[in-house]
Amino acid sequence: MYNRQEQKQEAKSLLRENQRFFFILFLPFLLIEIASSIVNSQSRLNDILSTEGSIKFSNTDILTTSASIIVFSILAGIFLMGAFYTVFNVLRGKTDFQNPLRKSLTFIDNQRLFWGTVWVFILKIIILGLWLIVPSIVCGLLFLVPVVGALIGSIGIIATSVFLIIKTLAYSQAFWIYRDAFLENKPVSAYEAITLSNKMMYGYKSDMFVLQLSFIGWNILVAITYGIVGLYVYPYYYITLAKFYEFVKEQYKQDNTVLDVE
């Protein structure tokens, strides 16, 4: 049985013992997140001013802001995945606590792993999008039917949203499955990684959901401090997620001999 409190306490202990390493490891990601937040805030302010008619913005300004947000998102993803992969190596005793800044870039060291992971991300978005779009179209058509159709359509939208959350949780371990298989020379396709994640998370989706909810307070603190508290929260959060994967993977291995990438 997954023990959330115990896992979070172990994550805190590891973080306390190696604060400097983890702070620097996640620092590039944090700085990019702060910069992205500033750009997003400026963009929202521009939208408000433009709507009120007090200031007019050109298409060039809008395109520049949009391009900046995209670039920040890509860079943040690269540094986050590099930091996350390093966390796994730390937990498995496969790396030391030296050169954290360099290790935050390890995600782009192997091009095949990099592009494979990108494809896993894209495929997840496509599959989740299909889970959302098809039922939404059906629910939308039901709204054309007076009273009863609207009621059924509303229930359908709520059910679709819940189902989408469940599927998101089910596919949440696909990146790490793909990476483990690749590094152990037992590569799987992006679709296989997503399918294995779905199987691995059977019985643990509620644990993952509650774990995510337990960090809501921390996320609020990060937001209201403009990311400064993220120096502590991000390492704590992602160490905990890595430990969650290690737990569910081990449980899956005990029940099945299909996934053996340790």
Protein backbone atom coordinates (compact mmCIF):
# COMPACT_ATOMS: atom_id res chain seq x y z
CA MET A 1 0.00 0.00 0.00
CA TYR A 2 1.26 3.44 -0.92
CA ASN A 3 2.16 5.55 2.12
CA ARG A 4 2.00 9.17 1.00
CA GLN A 5 3.17 10.70 4.29
CA GLU A 6 6.15 8.38 4.53
CA GLN A 7 7.23 9.05 0.94
CA LYS A 8 6.93 12.81 1.40
CA GLN A 9 8.93 12.64 4.61
CA GLU A 10 11.69 10.69 2.84
CA ALA A 11 11.70 13.32 0.09
CA LYS A 12 12.06 16.09 2.68
CA SER A 13 14.93 14.27 4.37
CA LEU A 14 16.80 13.81 1.09
CA LEU A 15 16.24 17.47 0.26
CA ARG A 16 17.46 18.67 3.66
CA GLU A 17 20.63 16.61 3.39
CA ASN A 18 21.46 17.94 -0.08
CA GLN A 19 19.81 21.35 -0.24
CA ARG A 20 22.48 23.11 -2.27
CA PHE A 21 22.56 20.40 -4.92
CA PHE A 22 18.79 20.29 -5.46
CA PHE A 23 18.34 24.06 -5.30
CA ILE A 24 20.92 24.60 -8.04
CA LEU A 25 19.60 21.61 -10.01
CA PHE A 26 16.12 23.14 -10.24
CA LEU A 27 17.28 26.78 -10.36
CA PRO A 28 17.34 27.10 -14.20
CA PHE A 29 13.80 25.72 -14.39
CA LEU A 30 12.68 28.08 -11.63
CA LEU A 31 14.21 31.16 -13.27
CA ILE A 32 12.56 30.34 -16.60
CA GLU A 33 9.23 29.79 -14.85
CA ILE A 34 9.53 33.21 -13.19
CA ALA A 35 10.42 34.85 -16.51
CA SER A 36 7.51 33.09 -18.21
CA SER A 37 5.17 34.20 -15.43
CA ILE A 38 6.25 37.82 -15.92
CA VAL A 39 5.66 37.60 -19.67
CA ASN A 40 2.26 35.98 -19.13
CA SER A 41 1.28 38.69 -16.64
CA GLN A 42 2.34 41.38 -19.08
CA SER A 43 0.38 39.67 -21.83
CA ARG A 44 -2.79 39.57 -19.70
CA LEU A 45 -2.31 43.23 -18.79
CA ASN A 46 -1.95 44.10 -22.47
CA ASP A 47 -5.14 42.20 -23.27
CA ILE A 48 -7.05 44.13 -20.59
CA LEU A 49 -5.74 47.50 -21.75
CA SER A 50 -6.40 46.63 -25.37
CA THR A 51 -9.96 45.52 -24.57
CA GLU A 52 -10.64 48.76 -22.71
CA GLY A 53 -9.35 50.69 -25.68
CA SER A 54 -6.81 52.69 -23.72
CA ILE A 55 -3.85 51.21 -25.59
CA LYS A 56 -3.62 49.59 -29.00
CA PHE A 57 -1.18 46.74 -29.63
CA SER A 58 0.09 45.67 -33.01
CA ASN A 59 0.06 42.12 -34.35
CA THR A 60 3.85 42.15 -34.00
CA ASP A 61 3.56 42.73 -30.24
CA ILE A 62 1.12 39.87 -29.90
CA LEU A 63 3.27 37.51 -31.99
CA THR A 64 6.39 38.44 -30.04
CA THR A 65 4.68 37.75 -26.73
CA SER A 66 3.28 34.43 -27.98
CA ALA A 67 6.68 33.38 -29.33
CA SER A 68 8.31 34.29 -26.02
CA ILE A 69 5.82 32.15 -24.08
CA ILE A 70 6.46 29.19 -26.41
CA VAL A 71 10.24 29.54 -26.09
CA PHE A 72 10.01 29.81 -22.31
CA SER A 73 7.81 26.69 -22.20
CA ILE A 74 10.27 24.66 -24.28
CA LEU A 75 13.27 25.77 -22.22
CA ALA A 76 11.41 25.10 -18.96
CA GLY A 77 10.52 21.62 -20.17
CA ILE A 78 14.13 20.85 -21.10
CA PHE A 79 15.52 21.95 -17.72
CA LEU A 80 12.70 20.29 -15.79
CA MET A 81 13.16 16.93 -17.50
CA GLY A 82 16.93 17.16 -16.98
CA ALA A 83 16.41 17.85 -13.27
CA PHE A 84 13.78 15.12 -12.99
CA TYR A 85 15.99 12.54 -14.69
CA THR A 86 18.82 13.49 -12.32
CA VAL A 87 16.49 12.94 -9.35
CA PHE A 88 15.91 9.38 -10.56
CA ASN A 89 19.65 8.81 -10.86
CA VAL A 90 20.14 10.13 -7.32
CA LEU A 91 17.45 7.86 -5.90
CA ARG A 92 19.02 4.87 -7.65
CA GLY A 93 22.56 5.73 -6.59
CA LYS A 94 23.69 6.25 -10.19
CA THR A 95 25.07 9.76 -9.75
CA ASP A 96 26.73 11.93 -7.12
CA PHE A 97 25.81 15.36 -5.80
CA GLN A 98 28.33 17.24 -7.92
CA ASN A 99 27.82 19.64 -10.87
CA PRO A 100 24.06 20.18 -10.44
CA LEU A 101 23.92 22.92 -13.07
CA ARG A 102 25.41 20.65 -15.71
CA LYS A 103 23.09 17.83 -14.72
CA SER A 104 20.06 20.05 -15.25
CA LEU A 105 20.84 19.79 -18.97
CA THR A 106 21.14 16.01 -19.17
CA PHE A 107 17.80 15.73 -20.96
CA ILE A 108 19.38 16.88 -24.24
CA ASP A 109 22.50 14.71 -23.94
CA ASN A 110 20.93 11.86 -25.91
CA GLN A 111 19.05 12.98 -29.02
CA ARG A 112 17.17 9.70 -29.48
CA LEU A 113 15.90 9.79 -25.90
CA PHE A 114 15.10 13.49 -26.22
CA TRP A 115 13.01 13.17 -29.37
CA GLY A 116 11.44 9.93 -28.16
CA THR A 117 10.28 11.66 -25.00
CA VAL A 118 8.94 14.56 -27.06
CA TRP A 119 6.92 12.06 -29.11
CA VAL A 120 5.55 10.47 -25.92
CA PHE A 121 4.38 13.95 -24.87
CA ILE A 122 2.76 14.65 -28.25
CA LEU A 123 1.05 11.25 -28.38
CA LYS A 124 -0.30 11.70 -24.87
CA ILE A 125 -1.80 15.04 -25.89
CA ILE A 126 -3.36 13.46 -28.99
CA ILE A 127 -4.88 10.54 -27.07
CA LEU A 128 -6.19 12.76 -24.27
CA GLY A 129 -7.52 15.16 -26.89
CA LEU A 130 -9.48 12.37 -28.53
CA TRP A 131 -10.89 11.32 -25.15
CA LEU A 132 -12.05 14.92 -24.75
CA ILE A 133 -13.17 15.92 -28.26
CA VAL A 134 -15.40 12.99 -29.22
CA PRO A 135 -17.56 12.99 -26.04
CA SER A 136 -17.67 16.81 -26.11
CA ILE A 137 -19.12 16.77 -29.63
CA VAL A 138 -21.77 14.26 -28.57
CA CYS A 139 -22.63 16.34 -25.49
CA GLY A 140 -22.78 19.47 -27.62
CA LEU A 141 -25.29 17.85 -29.96
CA LEU A 142 -27.42 16.83 -26.99
CA PHE A 143 -27.75 20.49 -26.03
CA LEU A 144 -29.76 20.97 -29.21
CA VAL A 145 -32.52 18.91 -27.63
CA PRO A 146 -34.60 21.10 -25.27
CA VAL A 147 -34.54 20.47 -21.49
CA VAL A 148 -33.77 16.74 -21.37
CA GLY A 149 -30.96 16.99 -23.91
CA ALA A 150 -29.40 19.90 -22.04
CA LEU A 151 -29.54 17.98 -18.75
CA ILE A 152 -27.99 14.85 -20.25
CA GLY A 153 -25.42 16.98 -22.05
CA SER A 154 -24.40 18.71 -18.80
CA ILE A 155 -24.03 15.37 -17.03
CA GLY A 156 -22.02 14.11 -20.00
CA ILE A 157 -19.62 17.06 -19.84
CA ILE A 158 -19.02 16.48 -16.12
CA ALA A 159 -18.49 12.76 -16.70
CA THR A 160 -16.09 13.50 -19.58
CA SER A 161 -14.07 15.87 -17.38
CA VAL A 162 -13.79 13.25 -14.63
CA PHE A 163 -12.84 10.58 -17.16
CA LEU A 164 -10.18 12.87 -18.65
CA ILE A 165 -8.63 13.40 -15.20
CA ILE A 166 -8.58 9.63 -14.66
CA LYS A 167 -6.87 9.05 -18.00
CA THR A 168 -4.35 11.82 -17.32
CA LEU A 169 -3.43 10.09 -14.07
CA ALA A 170 -3.28 6.72 -15.84
CA TYR A 171 -0.79 8.01 -18.42
CA SER A 172 1.28 10.01 -15.92
CA GLN A 173 4.18 7.53 -15.72
CA ALA A 174 4.73 7.13 -19.48
CA PHE A 175 7.82 9.39 -19.64
CA TRP A 176 9.67 7.47 -16.96
CA ILE A 177 8.71 4.08 -18.39
CA TYR A 178 9.99 5.16 -21.80
CA ARG A 179 13.26 6.44 -20.31
CA ASP A 180 13.90 3.34 -18.21
CA ALA A 181 13.28 1.03 -21.15
CA PHE A 182 15.55 3.11 -23.39
CA LEU A 183 18.44 3.22 -20.93
CA GLU A 184 18.25 -0.52 -20.32
CA ASN A 185 18.41 -1.23 -24.06
CA LYS A 186 14.89 -2.62 -23.99
CA PRO A 187 13.21 0.24 -25.86
CA VAL A 188 9.46 0.52 -26.12
CA SER A 189 7.43 2.73 -28.42
CA ALA A 190 5.68 5.85 -27.18
CA TYR A 191 2.34 4.06 -27.40
CA GLU A 192 3.68 1.07 -25.45
CA ALA A 193 4.99 3.40 -22.74
CA ILE A 194 1.56 5.01 -22.43
CA THR A 195 -0.14 1.60 -22.37
CA LEU A 196 2.26 0.32 -19.70
CA SER A 197 1.63 3.43 -17.65
CA ASN A 198 -2.09 2.75 -17.84
CA LYS A 199 -1.49 -0.79 -16.53
CA MET A 200 1.02 0.28 -13.90
CA MET A 201 -1.33 2.89 -12.46
CA TYR A 202 -4.16 0.42 -11.99
CA GLY A 203 -5.18 0.79 -8.35
CA TYR A 204 -2.91 3.80 -7.77
CA LYS A 205 -4.67 6.61 -9.64
CA SER A 206 -6.47 7.74 -6.49
CA ASP A 207 -3.13 7.77 -4.62
CA MET A 208 -1.64 9.95 -7.33
CA PHE A 209 -4.67 12.25 -7.27
CA VAL A 210 -4.49 12.73 -3.50
CA LEU A 211 -0.72 13.24 -3.74
CA GLN A 212 -1.25 16.04 -6.25
CA LEU A 213 -3.92 17.61 -4.04
CA SER A 214 -1.55 17.58 -1.08
CA PHE A 215 0.70 20.07 -2.90
CA ILE A 216 -2.02 22.63 -3.67
CA GLY A 217 -1.06 24.76 -0.66
CA TRP A 218 2.58 24.76 -1.72
CA ASN A 219 1.63 25.72 -5.28
CA ILE A 220 -0.38 28.67 -3.97
CA LEU A 221 2.66 29.80 -1.99
CA VAL A 222 4.80 29.57 -5.12
CA ALA A 223 2.28 31.71 -7.00
CA ILE A 224 1.93 34.45 -4.39
CA THR A 225 5.71 34.68 -3.88
CA TYR A 226 6.30 34.94 -7.64
CA GLY A 227 8.13 31.62 -7.66
CA ILE A 228 10.64 32.29 -4.89
CA VAL A 229 9.27 29.51 -2.67
CA GLY A 230 9.77 27.23 -5.66
CA LEU A 231 13.41 26.93 -4.59
CA TYR A 232 12.13 24.52 -1.97
CA VAL A 233 8.80 23.36 -3.42
CA TYR A 234 9.98 22.19 -6.85
CA PRO A 235 12.71 19.83 -5.59
CA TYR A 236 10.39 18.55 -2.85
CA TYR A 237 7.52 17.99 -5.28
CA TYR A 238 9.52 16.27 -8.02
CA ILE A 239 11.51 14.09 -5.62
CA THR A 240 8.16 12.91 -4.23
CA LEU A 241 6.84 12.19 -7.74
CA ALA A 242 9.99 10.24 -8.59
CA LYS A 243 9.60 8.18 -5.43
CA PHE A 244 5.96 7.54 -6.35
CA TYR A 245 7.06 6.11 -9.70
CA GLU A 246 9.69 3.95 -8.07
CA PHE A 247 7.01 2.58 -5.74
CA VAL A 248 4.37 1.78 -8.35
CA LYS A 249 6.99 0.33 -10.69
CA GLU A 250 8.23 -2.01 -7.97
CA GLN A 251 4.67 -3.06 -7.17
CA TYR A 252 4.01 -3.72 -10.83
CA LYS A 253 7.18 -5.78 -11.13
CA GLN A 254 6.14 -7.89 -8.18
CA ASP A 255 2.79 -8.65 -9.81
CA ASN A 256 4.07 -8.96 -13.37
CA THR A 257 7.33 -9.90 -15.04
CA VAL A 258 6.56 -7.83 -18.14
CA LEU A 259 8.20 -4.61 -16.99
CA ASP A 260 11.72 -5.34 -15.85
CA VAL A 261 13.84 -2.29 -16.48
CA GLU A 262 15.51 -1.87 -13.12
